[in-house]
């Protein structure tokens, strides 16, 4: 049996076109699993009860916070995409590759997984430690594909700050989860059903 040698591992920059759909999905779900694990560990180190963080509130007010923020974000994004050149908001084609050929149920699943995993880490753990401002800077920084252009970077920062704000106002993690899910799901549907010019 051949021995595994860690020195043979080579790291190189990969273009999105070099990755097939299967590998793109594996990468997406693996990074979300990693995000979830880090979030749970961080919450445990903060001596928070990770199950309590995800308690569903008795009142349904959190839905209004989540859907309201999502509607505002989608409206702003649609306005920006109407007047800003596509090159200024380019993410390297990642979102297009993720959502373009997916069935609706899979767009919903991806949106839900991303919303729960990222909000548990960023709002449930990091914001608890650093507050919404620094959390939003970290959130924008990990969305590396947007950092080449200031408009999407500013949008990601603003959305993250809005998610942190509704988390504070609603006192439940489900408000930002709902907002994150609705934003990703609607934007995924827009990409899926968009007509090419």
N, C-alpha and C. Protein backbone atom coordinates (compact mmCIF):
# COMPACT_ATOMS: atom_id res chain seq x y z
N UNK A 1 0.84 -1.19 0.00
CA UNK A 1 0.00 0.00 0.00
C UNK A 1 0.89 1.25 0.00
N UNK A 2 0.52 2.21 -0.83
CA UNK A 2 1.31 3.43 -0.98
C UNK A 2 1.08 4.35 0.21
N UNK A 3 2.17 4.91 0.76
CA UNK A 3 2.07 5.82 1.90
C UNK A 3 1.65 7.21 1.44
N UNK A 4 0.87 7.86 2.29
CA UNK A 4 0.44 9.23 2.02
C UNK A 4 1.52 10.18 2.52
N UNK A 5 1.96 11.08 1.65
CA UNK A 5 2.99 12.05 2.02
C UNK A 5 2.39 13.45 1.92
N UNK A 6 2.29 14.12 3.05
CA UNK A 6 1.67 15.46 3.09
C UNK A 6 2.46 16.48 2.26
N UNK A 7 3.73 16.23 2.03
CA UNK A 7 4.55 17.15 1.24
C UNK A 7 4.16 17.17 -0.23
N UNK A 8 3.39 16.17 -0.66
CA UNK A 8 2.95 16.11 -2.06
C UNK A 8 1.70 16.95 -2.32
N UNK A 9 1.13 17.53 -1.29
CA UNK A 9 -0.07 18.36 -1.46
C UNK A 9 0.36 19.72 -2.00
N UNK A 10 -0.29 20.14 -3.07
CA UNK A 10 0.00 21.43 -3.67
C UNK A 10 -1.25 22.29 -3.62
N UNK A 11 -1.09 23.54 -3.20
CA UNK A 11 -2.20 24.48 -3.14
C UNK A 11 -2.03 25.46 -4.29
N UNK A 12 -3.11 25.63 -5.06
CA UNK A 12 -3.08 26.59 -6.16
C UNK A 12 -4.45 27.22 -6.30
N UNK A 13 -4.45 28.38 -6.89
CA UNK A 13 -5.71 29.08 -7.13
C UNK A 13 -6.45 28.37 -8.26
N UNK A 14 -7.76 28.15 -8.04
CA UNK A 14 -8.57 27.45 -9.01
C UNK A 14 -9.64 28.39 -9.53
N UNK A 15 -9.82 28.42 -10.83
CA UNK A 15 -10.89 29.19 -11.44
C UNK A 15 -12.19 28.41 -11.30
N UNK A 16 -13.31 29.11 -11.13
CA UNK A 16 -14.60 28.46 -10.94
C UNK A 16 -14.96 27.55 -12.11
N UNK A 17 -14.47 27.87 -13.31
CA UNK A 17 -14.76 27.05 -14.49
C UNK A 17 -14.03 25.71 -14.48
N UNK A 18 -13.00 25.59 -13.65
CA UNK A 18 -12.24 24.35 -13.55
C UNK A 18 -12.90 23.34 -12.63
N UNK A 19 -13.93 23.74 -11.89
CA UNK A 19 -14.59 22.87 -10.91
C UNK A 19 -15.90 22.38 -11.52
N UNK A 20 -16.13 21.07 -11.46
CA UNK A 20 -17.41 20.57 -11.97
C UNK A 20 -18.50 20.76 -10.90
N UNK A 21 -19.75 20.58 -11.29
CA UNK A 21 -20.89 20.82 -10.40
C UNK A 21 -20.83 19.99 -9.12
N UNK A 22 -20.45 18.73 -9.28
CA UNK A 22 -20.39 17.84 -8.11
C UNK A 22 -19.38 18.36 -7.09
N UNK A 23 -18.21 18.74 -7.56
CA UNK A 23 -17.16 19.24 -6.66
C UNK A 23 -17.57 20.58 -6.05
N UNK A 24 -18.27 21.42 -6.82
CA UNK A 24 -18.75 22.70 -6.30
C UNK A 24 -19.72 22.48 -5.14
N UNK A 25 -20.64 21.53 -5.30
CA UNK A 25 -21.60 21.22 -4.22
C UNK A 25 -20.92 20.60 -3.01
N UNK A 26 -19.96 19.71 -3.26
CA UNK A 26 -19.21 19.10 -2.15
C UNK A 26 -18.50 20.20 -1.36
N UNK A 27 -17.87 21.13 -2.08
CA UNK A 27 -17.17 22.24 -1.45
C UNK A 27 -18.14 23.11 -0.64
N UNK A 28 -19.31 23.41 -1.24
CA UNK A 28 -20.32 24.23 -0.56
C UNK A 28 -20.77 23.57 0.74
N UNK A 29 -21.18 22.32 0.67
CA UNK A 29 -21.68 21.64 1.87
C UNK A 29 -20.58 21.39 2.89
N UNK A 30 -19.35 21.13 2.43
CA UNK A 30 -18.24 20.92 3.36
C UNK A 30 -17.92 22.21 4.12
N UNK A 31 -17.90 23.34 3.41
CA UNK A 31 -17.62 24.60 4.11
C UNK A 31 -18.73 24.96 5.08
N UNK A 32 -19.97 24.63 4.74
CA UNK A 32 -21.07 24.90 5.66
C UNK A 32 -21.00 23.99 6.89
N UNK A 33 -20.62 22.73 6.69
CA UNK A 33 -20.44 21.81 7.84
C UNK A 33 -19.32 22.32 8.74
N UNK A 34 -18.24 22.78 8.14
CA UNK A 34 -17.11 23.34 8.89
C UNK A 34 -17.56 24.58 9.66
N UNK A 35 -18.36 25.44 9.02
CA UNK A 35 -18.89 26.64 9.66
C UNK A 35 -19.77 26.27 10.85
N UNK A 36 -20.62 25.27 10.67
CA UNK A 36 -21.51 24.82 11.74
C UNK A 36 -20.71 24.29 12.93
N UNK A 37 -19.70 23.48 12.66
CA UNK A 37 -18.88 22.90 13.73
C UNK A 37 -18.16 24.00 14.50
N UNK A 38 -17.56 24.94 13.78
CA UNK A 38 -16.87 26.06 14.45
C UNK A 38 -17.86 26.85 15.30
N UNK A 39 -19.05 27.12 14.75
CA UNK A 39 -20.07 27.86 15.49
C UNK A 39 -20.47 27.16 16.78
N UNK A 40 -20.72 25.86 16.71
CA UNK A 40 -21.12 25.10 17.91
C UNK A 40 -20.00 25.10 18.94
N UNK A 41 -18.77 24.85 18.49
CA UNK A 41 -17.63 24.85 19.43
C UNK A 41 -17.47 26.22 20.07
N UNK A 42 -17.56 27.29 19.29
CA UNK A 42 -17.40 28.65 19.81
C UNK A 42 -18.49 28.94 20.84
N UNK A 43 -19.72 28.56 20.52
CA UNK A 43 -20.84 28.77 21.46
C UNK A 43 -20.60 28.03 22.76
N UNK A 44 -20.09 26.79 22.68
CA UNK A 44 -19.81 26.01 23.88
C UNK A 44 -18.70 26.65 24.71
N UNK A 45 -17.67 27.19 24.05
CA UNK A 45 -16.59 27.87 24.77
C UNK A 45 -17.07 29.15 25.44
N UNK A 46 -18.13 29.75 24.89
CA UNK A 46 -18.71 30.95 25.51
C UNK A 46 -19.66 30.59 26.65
N UNK A 47 -19.79 29.31 26.91
CA UNK A 47 -20.69 28.79 27.94
C UNK A 47 -22.16 29.11 27.65
N UNK A 48 -22.47 29.20 26.35
CA UNK A 48 -23.86 29.33 25.94
C UNK A 48 -24.41 27.92 25.71
N UNK A 49 -25.68 27.77 25.87
CA UNK A 49 -26.32 26.51 25.54
C UNK A 49 -26.68 26.55 24.06
N UNK A 50 -26.00 25.70 23.24
CA UNK A 50 -26.21 25.75 21.79
C UNK A 50 -27.64 25.41 21.41
N UNK A 51 -28.33 24.62 22.20
CA UNK A 51 -29.73 24.32 21.91
C UNK A 51 -30.62 25.51 22.24
N UNK A 52 -30.27 26.23 23.30
CA UNK A 52 -31.05 27.42 23.69
C UNK A 52 -30.91 28.52 22.63
N UNK A 53 -29.74 28.61 22.00
CA UNK A 53 -29.52 29.62 20.96
C UNK A 53 -30.51 29.43 19.82
N UNK A 54 -30.89 28.17 19.55
CA UNK A 54 -31.81 27.88 18.45
C UNK A 54 -33.26 27.67 18.89
N UNK A 55 -33.58 28.08 20.12
CA UNK A 55 -34.98 27.99 20.57
C UNK A 55 -35.88 28.79 19.64
N UNK A 56 -36.98 28.18 19.23
CA UNK A 56 -37.96 28.90 18.41
C UNK A 56 -38.86 29.68 19.37
N UNK A 57 -38.97 31.00 19.17
CA UNK A 57 -39.77 31.82 20.10
C UNK A 57 -41.27 31.52 19.99
N UNK A 58 -41.99 31.83 21.06
CA UNK A 58 -43.45 31.63 21.08
C UNK A 58 -44.16 32.62 20.17
N UNK A 59 -43.66 33.84 20.12
CA UNK A 59 -44.26 34.87 19.28
C UNK A 59 -43.69 34.77 17.87
N UNK A 60 -44.51 35.12 16.89
CA UNK A 60 -44.09 35.02 15.49
C UNK A 60 -43.56 36.36 14.95
N UNK A 61 -43.26 37.28 15.86
CA UNK A 61 -42.75 38.59 15.48
C UNK A 61 -41.42 38.51 14.73
N UNK A 62 -40.62 37.47 15.04
CA UNK A 62 -39.32 37.32 14.40
C UNK A 62 -39.45 37.15 12.88
N UNK A 63 -40.58 36.58 12.44
CA UNK A 63 -40.81 36.43 10.99
C UNK A 63 -40.91 37.79 10.31
N UNK A 64 -41.57 38.74 10.98
CA UNK A 64 -41.69 40.09 10.41
C UNK A 64 -40.32 40.75 10.30
N UNK A 65 -39.47 40.57 11.33
CA UNK A 65 -38.12 41.12 11.28
C UNK A 65 -37.35 40.51 10.11
N UNK A 66 -37.39 39.18 10.01
CA UNK A 66 -36.64 38.48 8.97
C UNK A 66 -37.11 38.79 7.57
N UNK A 67 -38.41 38.69 7.34
CA UNK A 67 -38.97 38.93 6.01
C UNK A 67 -38.83 40.42 5.64
N UNK A 68 -39.00 41.29 6.62
CA UNK A 68 -38.86 42.73 6.36
C UNK A 68 -37.46 43.10 5.90
N UNK A 69 -36.44 42.60 6.62
CA UNK A 69 -35.07 42.88 6.21
C UNK A 69 -34.78 42.26 4.85
N UNK A 70 -35.25 41.04 4.63
CA UNK A 70 -35.02 40.37 3.35
C UNK A 70 -35.63 41.17 2.21
N UNK A 71 -36.85 41.66 2.39
CA UNK A 71 -37.51 42.45 1.34
C UNK A 71 -36.72 43.72 1.04
N UNK A 72 -36.21 44.38 2.07
CA UNK A 72 -35.41 45.60 1.87
C UNK A 72 -34.12 45.28 1.12
N UNK A 73 -33.45 44.20 1.50
CA UNK A 73 -32.19 43.82 0.85
C UNK A 73 -32.42 43.47 -0.62
N UNK A 74 -33.46 42.69 -0.89
CA UNK A 74 -33.75 42.30 -2.27
C UNK A 74 -34.10 43.52 -3.12
N UNK A 75 -34.88 44.44 -2.56
CA UNK A 75 -35.23 45.67 -3.29
C UNK A 75 -33.98 46.48 -3.62
N UNK A 76 -33.09 46.66 -2.65
CA UNK A 76 -31.85 47.41 -2.89
C UNK A 76 -30.99 46.68 -3.92
N UNK A 77 -30.88 45.37 -3.80
CA UNK A 77 -30.06 44.60 -4.73
C UNK A 77 -30.60 44.71 -6.16
N UNK A 78 -31.92 44.64 -6.31
CA UNK A 78 -32.51 44.76 -7.65
C UNK A 78 -32.30 46.15 -8.22
N UNK A 79 -32.40 47.17 -7.38
CA UNK A 79 -32.14 48.54 -7.85
C UNK A 79 -30.69 48.71 -8.28
N UNK A 80 -29.78 48.18 -7.47
CA UNK A 80 -28.36 48.27 -7.81
C UNK A 80 -28.08 47.53 -9.11
N UNK A 81 -28.64 46.33 -9.26
CA UNK A 81 -28.36 45.56 -10.47
C UNK A 81 -28.95 46.21 -11.72
N UNK A 82 -29.94 47.06 -11.52
CA UNK A 82 -30.56 47.76 -12.66
C UNK A 82 -29.64 48.87 -13.19
N UNK A 83 -28.93 49.56 -12.27
CA UNK A 83 -28.15 50.73 -12.69
C UNK A 83 -26.63 50.56 -12.61
N UNK A 84 -26.18 49.53 -11.96
CA UNK A 84 -24.73 49.33 -11.82
C UNK A 84 -24.29 48.29 -12.85
N UNK A 85 -23.20 48.52 -13.55
CA UNK A 85 -22.72 47.54 -14.53
C UNK A 85 -22.43 46.19 -13.86
N UNK A 86 -22.67 45.13 -14.61
CA UNK A 86 -22.49 43.78 -14.08
C UNK A 86 -21.07 43.54 -13.57
N UNK A 87 -20.08 44.13 -14.24
CA UNK A 87 -18.68 43.93 -13.83
C UNK A 87 -18.41 44.46 -12.42
N UNK A 88 -19.14 45.49 -12.00
CA UNK A 88 -18.92 46.10 -10.68
C UNK A 88 -19.50 45.26 -9.55
N UNK A 89 -20.34 44.30 -9.89
CA UNK A 89 -20.94 43.45 -8.86
C UNK A 89 -20.61 41.98 -9.09
N UNK A 90 -19.56 41.71 -9.86
CA UNK A 90 -19.19 40.35 -10.25
C UNK A 90 -18.65 39.57 -9.06
N UNK A 91 -19.14 38.33 -8.88
CA UNK A 91 -18.62 37.46 -7.83
C UNK A 91 -17.78 36.32 -8.42
N UNK A 92 -17.40 36.47 -9.67
CA UNK A 92 -16.61 35.44 -10.32
C UNK A 92 -17.45 34.30 -10.88
N UNK A 93 -18.76 34.46 -10.89
CA UNK A 93 -19.64 33.43 -11.44
C UNK A 93 -20.03 32.33 -10.48
N UNK A 94 -19.66 32.45 -9.20
CA UNK A 94 -19.93 31.39 -8.23
C UNK A 94 -21.43 31.22 -8.01
N UNK A 95 -22.14 32.31 -7.72
CA UNK A 95 -23.58 32.20 -7.47
C UNK A 95 -24.31 31.66 -8.69
N UNK A 96 -23.89 32.11 -9.87
CA UNK A 96 -24.51 31.62 -11.09
C UNK A 96 -24.32 30.11 -11.23
N UNK A 97 -23.13 29.63 -10.96
CA UNK A 97 -22.85 28.19 -11.04
C UNK A 97 -23.62 27.41 -9.99
N UNK A 98 -23.78 27.98 -8.80
CA UNK A 98 -24.48 27.26 -7.74
C UNK A 98 -25.97 27.15 -8.04
N UNK A 99 -26.59 28.22 -8.51
CA UNK A 99 -28.05 28.24 -8.62
C UNK A 99 -28.62 28.05 -10.03
N UNK A 100 -27.84 28.28 -11.06
CA UNK A 100 -28.37 28.34 -12.42
C UNK A 100 -29.18 27.09 -12.82
N UNK A 101 -28.70 25.90 -12.56
CA UNK A 101 -29.36 24.69 -13.04
C UNK A 101 -29.95 23.83 -11.93
N UNK A 102 -30.13 24.41 -10.76
CA UNK A 102 -30.67 23.64 -9.64
C UNK A 102 -32.20 23.62 -9.67
N UNK A 103 -32.80 22.52 -9.24
CA UNK A 103 -34.26 22.53 -9.04
C UNK A 103 -34.60 23.43 -7.85
N UNK A 104 -35.84 23.87 -7.79
CA UNK A 104 -36.27 24.80 -6.74
C UNK A 104 -36.04 24.22 -5.35
N UNK A 105 -36.36 22.92 -5.16
CA UNK A 105 -36.18 22.32 -3.84
C UNK A 105 -34.71 22.37 -3.40
N UNK A 106 -33.77 22.24 -4.36
CA UNK A 106 -32.36 22.26 -4.01
C UNK A 106 -31.89 23.68 -3.69
N UNK A 107 -32.45 24.67 -4.39
CA UNK A 107 -32.15 26.07 -4.07
C UNK A 107 -32.62 26.36 -2.64
N UNK A 108 -33.81 25.86 -2.28
CA UNK A 108 -34.33 26.06 -0.93
C UNK A 108 -33.45 25.36 0.10
N UNK A 109 -33.01 24.14 -0.21
CA UNK A 109 -32.16 23.39 0.72
C UNK A 109 -30.82 24.10 0.93
N UNK A 110 -30.19 24.51 -0.16
CA UNK A 110 -28.91 25.23 -0.05
C UNK A 110 -29.10 26.50 0.78
N UNK A 111 -30.16 27.24 0.49
CA UNK A 111 -30.42 28.50 1.20
C UNK A 111 -30.63 28.25 2.69
N UNK A 112 -31.34 27.19 3.04
CA UNK A 112 -31.60 26.88 4.45
C UNK A 112 -30.32 26.46 5.16
N UNK A 113 -29.55 25.58 4.54
CA UNK A 113 -28.30 25.11 5.16
C UNK A 113 -27.35 26.28 5.39
N UNK A 114 -27.17 27.12 4.37
CA UNK A 114 -26.27 28.28 4.49
C UNK A 114 -26.77 29.23 5.58
N UNK A 115 -28.09 29.50 5.61
CA UNK A 115 -28.64 30.43 6.60
C UNK A 115 -28.41 29.92 8.02
N UNK A 116 -28.71 28.67 8.28
CA UNK A 116 -28.57 28.13 9.65
C UNK A 116 -27.09 28.09 10.05
N UNK A 117 -26.24 27.55 9.20
CA UNK A 117 -24.82 27.40 9.55
C UNK A 117 -24.13 28.75 9.76
N UNK A 118 -24.33 29.67 8.80
CA UNK A 118 -23.64 30.96 8.91
C UNK A 118 -24.20 31.82 10.03
N UNK A 119 -25.50 31.80 10.24
CA UNK A 119 -26.06 32.61 11.32
C UNK A 119 -25.71 32.06 12.69
N UNK A 120 -25.63 30.75 12.82
CA UNK A 120 -25.21 30.17 14.10
C UNK A 120 -23.80 30.63 14.44
N UNK A 121 -22.91 30.62 13.45
CA UNK A 121 -21.53 31.07 13.70
C UNK A 121 -21.46 32.58 13.89
N UNK A 122 -22.01 33.34 12.93
CA UNK A 122 -21.76 34.78 12.95
C UNK A 122 -22.62 35.52 13.97
N UNK A 123 -23.90 35.27 13.99
CA UNK A 123 -24.75 35.96 14.97
C UNK A 123 -24.72 35.24 16.32
N UNK A 124 -24.80 33.92 16.31
CA UNK A 124 -24.87 33.17 17.57
C UNK A 124 -23.58 33.16 18.36
N UNK A 125 -22.45 33.14 17.66
CA UNK A 125 -21.16 33.02 18.35
C UNK A 125 -20.31 34.28 18.24
N UNK A 126 -19.97 34.69 17.01
CA UNK A 126 -19.04 35.81 16.84
C UNK A 126 -19.64 37.12 17.33
N UNK A 127 -20.91 37.39 16.97
CA UNK A 127 -21.53 38.65 17.43
C UNK A 127 -21.64 38.68 18.95
N UNK A 128 -21.86 37.54 19.56
CA UNK A 128 -21.92 37.47 21.02
C UNK A 128 -20.59 37.92 21.63
N UNK A 129 -19.50 37.66 20.93
CA UNK A 129 -18.17 38.02 21.44
C UNK A 129 -17.73 39.42 21.03
N UNK A 130 -18.02 39.85 19.79
CA UNK A 130 -17.43 41.07 19.25
C UNK A 130 -18.43 42.17 18.89
N UNK A 131 -19.72 41.87 18.88
CA UNK A 131 -20.72 42.86 18.50
C UNK A 131 -20.96 42.86 17.00
N UNK A 132 -22.00 43.57 16.54
CA UNK A 132 -22.40 43.50 15.13
C UNK A 132 -21.41 44.15 14.15
N UNK A 133 -20.71 45.20 14.56
CA UNK A 133 -19.80 45.89 13.64
C UNK A 133 -18.64 44.98 13.22
N UNK A 134 -17.91 44.45 14.20
CA UNK A 134 -16.75 43.61 13.88
C UNK A 134 -17.18 42.29 13.27
N UNK A 135 -18.34 41.79 13.68
CA UNK A 135 -18.87 40.58 13.06
C UNK A 135 -19.12 40.82 11.58
N UNK A 136 -19.64 41.99 11.23
CA UNK A 136 -19.92 42.31 9.83
C UNK A 136 -18.65 42.46 9.02
N UNK A 137 -17.60 42.97 9.62
CA UNK A 137 -16.31 43.05 8.92
C UNK A 137 -15.78 41.64 8.64
N UNK A 138 -15.86 40.77 9.63
CA UNK A 138 -15.41 39.38 9.44
C UNK A 138 -16.27 38.68 8.40
N UNK A 139 -17.59 38.90 8.48
CA UNK A 139 -18.53 38.29 7.53
C UNK A 139 -18.21 38.72 6.10
N UNK A 140 -17.96 40.00 5.91
CA UNK A 140 -17.61 40.51 4.57
C UNK A 140 -16.27 39.94 4.12
N UNK A 141 -15.32 39.81 5.03
CA UNK A 141 -13.99 39.31 4.67
C UNK A 141 -14.02 37.85 4.24
N UNK A 142 -14.88 37.03 4.85
CA UNK A 142 -14.90 35.63 4.44
C UNK A 142 -15.62 35.41 3.12
N UNK A 143 -16.40 36.38 2.70
CA UNK A 143 -17.02 36.30 1.38
C UNK A 143 -16.02 36.85 0.36
N UNK A 144 -14.91 36.14 0.24
CA UNK A 144 -13.74 36.57 -0.52
C UNK A 144 -14.09 36.93 -1.96
N UNK A 145 -15.02 36.20 -2.54
CA UNK A 145 -15.32 36.41 -3.97
C UNK A 145 -15.87 37.80 -4.25
N UNK A 146 -16.37 38.50 -3.20
CA UNK A 146 -16.91 39.84 -3.39
C UNK A 146 -15.88 40.94 -3.16
N UNK A 147 -14.74 40.61 -2.60
CA UNK A 147 -13.78 41.62 -2.17
C UNK A 147 -13.10 42.37 -3.33
N UNK A 148 -13.25 41.87 -4.55
CA UNK A 148 -12.63 42.55 -5.69
C UNK A 148 -13.35 43.84 -6.05
N UNK A 149 -14.60 43.98 -5.61
CA UNK A 149 -15.41 45.14 -5.97
C UNK A 149 -16.03 45.73 -4.71
N UNK A 150 -16.03 47.05 -4.60
CA UNK A 150 -16.50 47.69 -3.37
C UNK A 150 -18.01 47.62 -3.22
N UNK A 151 -18.79 47.57 -4.30
CA UNK A 151 -20.25 47.54 -4.16
C UNK A 151 -20.72 46.25 -3.50
N UNK A 152 -20.34 45.06 -4.00
CA UNK A 152 -20.79 43.85 -3.30
C UNK A 152 -20.20 43.72 -1.90
N UNK A 153 -18.97 44.20 -1.70
CA UNK A 153 -18.38 44.14 -0.35
C UNK A 153 -19.19 45.01 0.61
N UNK A 154 -19.54 46.22 0.17
CA UNK A 154 -20.38 47.10 1.00
C UNK A 154 -21.75 46.51 1.25
N UNK A 155 -22.32 45.86 0.24
CA UNK A 155 -23.62 45.21 0.42
C UNK A 155 -23.55 44.08 1.44
N UNK A 156 -22.53 43.24 1.32
CA UNK A 156 -22.39 42.12 2.25
C UNK A 156 -22.20 42.64 3.67
N UNK A 157 -21.37 43.68 3.84
CA UNK A 157 -21.19 44.28 5.17
C UNK A 157 -22.52 44.81 5.70
N UNK A 158 -23.25 45.55 4.86
CA UNK A 158 -24.53 46.15 5.29
C UNK A 158 -25.57 45.08 5.62
N UNK A 159 -25.64 44.05 4.80
CA UNK A 159 -26.58 42.96 5.07
C UNK A 159 -26.23 42.30 6.39
N UNK A 160 -24.95 42.04 6.60
CA UNK A 160 -24.52 41.41 7.85
C UNK A 160 -24.87 42.29 9.05
N UNK A 161 -24.64 43.60 8.92
CA UNK A 161 -24.97 44.50 10.02
C UNK A 161 -26.48 44.49 10.27
N UNK A 162 -27.27 44.47 9.19
CA UNK A 162 -28.72 44.38 9.33
C UNK A 162 -29.15 43.09 10.01
N UNK A 163 -28.50 41.98 9.66
CA UNK A 163 -28.80 40.70 10.30
C UNK A 163 -28.48 40.77 11.80
N UNK A 164 -27.34 41.39 12.12
CA UNK A 164 -26.98 41.55 13.53
C UNK A 164 -27.95 42.44 14.27
N UNK A 165 -28.42 43.49 13.61
CA UNK A 165 -29.36 44.42 14.23
C UNK A 165 -30.70 43.75 14.52
N UNK A 166 -31.23 42.97 13.54
CA UNK A 166 -32.52 42.31 13.81
C UNK A 166 -32.37 41.18 14.83
N UNK A 167 -31.16 40.62 14.95
CA UNK A 167 -30.92 39.63 16.01
C UNK A 167 -31.04 40.29 17.38
N UNK A 168 -30.47 41.47 17.50
CA UNK A 168 -30.56 42.21 18.77
C UNK A 168 -32.01 42.62 19.04
N UNK A 169 -32.69 43.16 18.04
CA UNK A 169 -34.06 43.66 18.22
C UNK A 169 -35.05 42.55 18.52
N UNK A 170 -34.91 41.41 17.86
CA UNK A 170 -35.88 40.32 18.02
C UNK A 170 -35.51 39.38 19.16
N UNK A 171 -34.24 39.40 19.58
CA UNK A 171 -33.73 38.54 20.65
C UNK A 171 -33.86 37.06 20.31
N UNK A 172 -33.81 36.74 19.02
CA UNK A 172 -33.81 35.34 18.61
C UNK A 172 -32.98 35.19 17.34
N UNK A 173 -32.25 34.10 17.26
CA UNK A 173 -31.42 33.82 16.10
C UNK A 173 -32.27 33.51 14.87
N UNK A 174 -33.54 33.17 15.09
CA UNK A 174 -34.40 32.80 13.96
C UNK A 174 -34.73 33.99 13.06
N UNK A 175 -34.70 35.20 13.57
CA UNK A 175 -34.96 36.37 12.71
C UNK A 175 -33.87 36.50 11.63
N UNK A 176 -32.57 36.50 12.00
CA UNK A 176 -31.56 36.55 10.94
C UNK A 176 -31.53 35.29 10.08
N UNK A 177 -31.87 34.13 10.64
CA UNK A 177 -31.92 32.91 9.83
C UNK A 177 -32.98 33.04 8.76
N UNK A 178 -34.17 33.52 9.14
CA UNK A 178 -35.26 33.71 8.17
C UNK A 178 -34.84 34.72 7.10
N UNK A 179 -34.25 35.84 7.52
CA UNK A 179 -33.82 36.86 6.56
C UNK A 179 -32.77 36.30 5.60
N UNK A 180 -31.77 35.62 6.14
CA UNK A 180 -30.70 35.05 5.32
C UNK A 180 -31.28 34.03 4.34
N UNK A 181 -32.18 33.18 4.82
CA UNK A 181 -32.80 32.18 3.95
C UNK A 181 -33.59 32.84 2.82
N UNK A 182 -34.43 33.80 3.15
CA UNK A 182 -35.27 34.45 2.14
C UNK A 182 -34.41 35.16 1.10
N UNK A 183 -33.37 35.87 1.56
CA UNK A 183 -32.47 36.58 0.63
C UNK A 183 -31.83 35.58 -0.34
N UNK A 184 -31.21 34.53 0.20
CA UNK A 184 -30.52 33.57 -0.65
C UNK A 184 -31.50 32.83 -1.57
N UNK A 185 -32.67 32.47 -1.04
CA UNK A 185 -33.64 31.73 -1.83
C UNK A 185 -34.17 32.56 -2.99
N UNK A 186 -34.58 33.80 -2.70
CA UNK A 186 -35.12 34.67 -3.76
C UNK A 186 -34.03 34.99 -4.79
N UNK A 187 -32.82 35.32 -4.32
CA UNK A 187 -31.75 35.62 -5.26
C UNK A 187 -31.37 34.38 -6.07
N UNK A 188 -31.43 33.20 -5.45
CA UNK A 188 -31.20 31.95 -6.17
C UNK A 188 -32.25 31.72 -7.24
N UNK A 189 -33.51 32.01 -6.93
CA UNK A 189 -34.59 31.88 -7.92
C UNK A 189 -34.42 32.88 -9.06
N UNK A 190 -33.99 34.09 -8.71
CA UNK A 190 -33.76 35.10 -9.76
C UNK A 190 -32.67 34.62 -10.72
N UNK A 191 -31.59 34.07 -10.17
CA UNK A 191 -30.52 33.53 -11.02
C UNK A 191 -31.03 32.35 -11.83
N UNK A 192 -31.80 31.48 -11.18
CA UNK A 192 -32.32 30.26 -11.85
C UNK A 192 -33.22 30.59 -13.03
N UNK A 193 -34.09 31.60 -12.88
CA UNK A 193 -35.07 31.88 -13.91
C UNK A 193 -34.77 33.13 -14.74
N UNK A 194 -33.61 33.73 -14.52
CA UNK A 194 -33.23 34.93 -15.26
C UNK A 194 -33.07 34.60 -16.74
N UNK A 195 -33.61 35.46 -17.58
CA UNK A 195 -33.45 35.31 -19.03
C UNK A 195 -32.14 36.00 -19.42
N UNK A 196 -31.38 35.32 -20.22
CA UNK A 196 -30.14 35.90 -20.71
C UNK A 196 -30.46 36.95 -21.77
N UNK A 197 -29.74 38.10 -21.79
CA UNK A 197 -30.02 39.13 -22.80
C UNK A 197 -29.66 38.64 -24.20
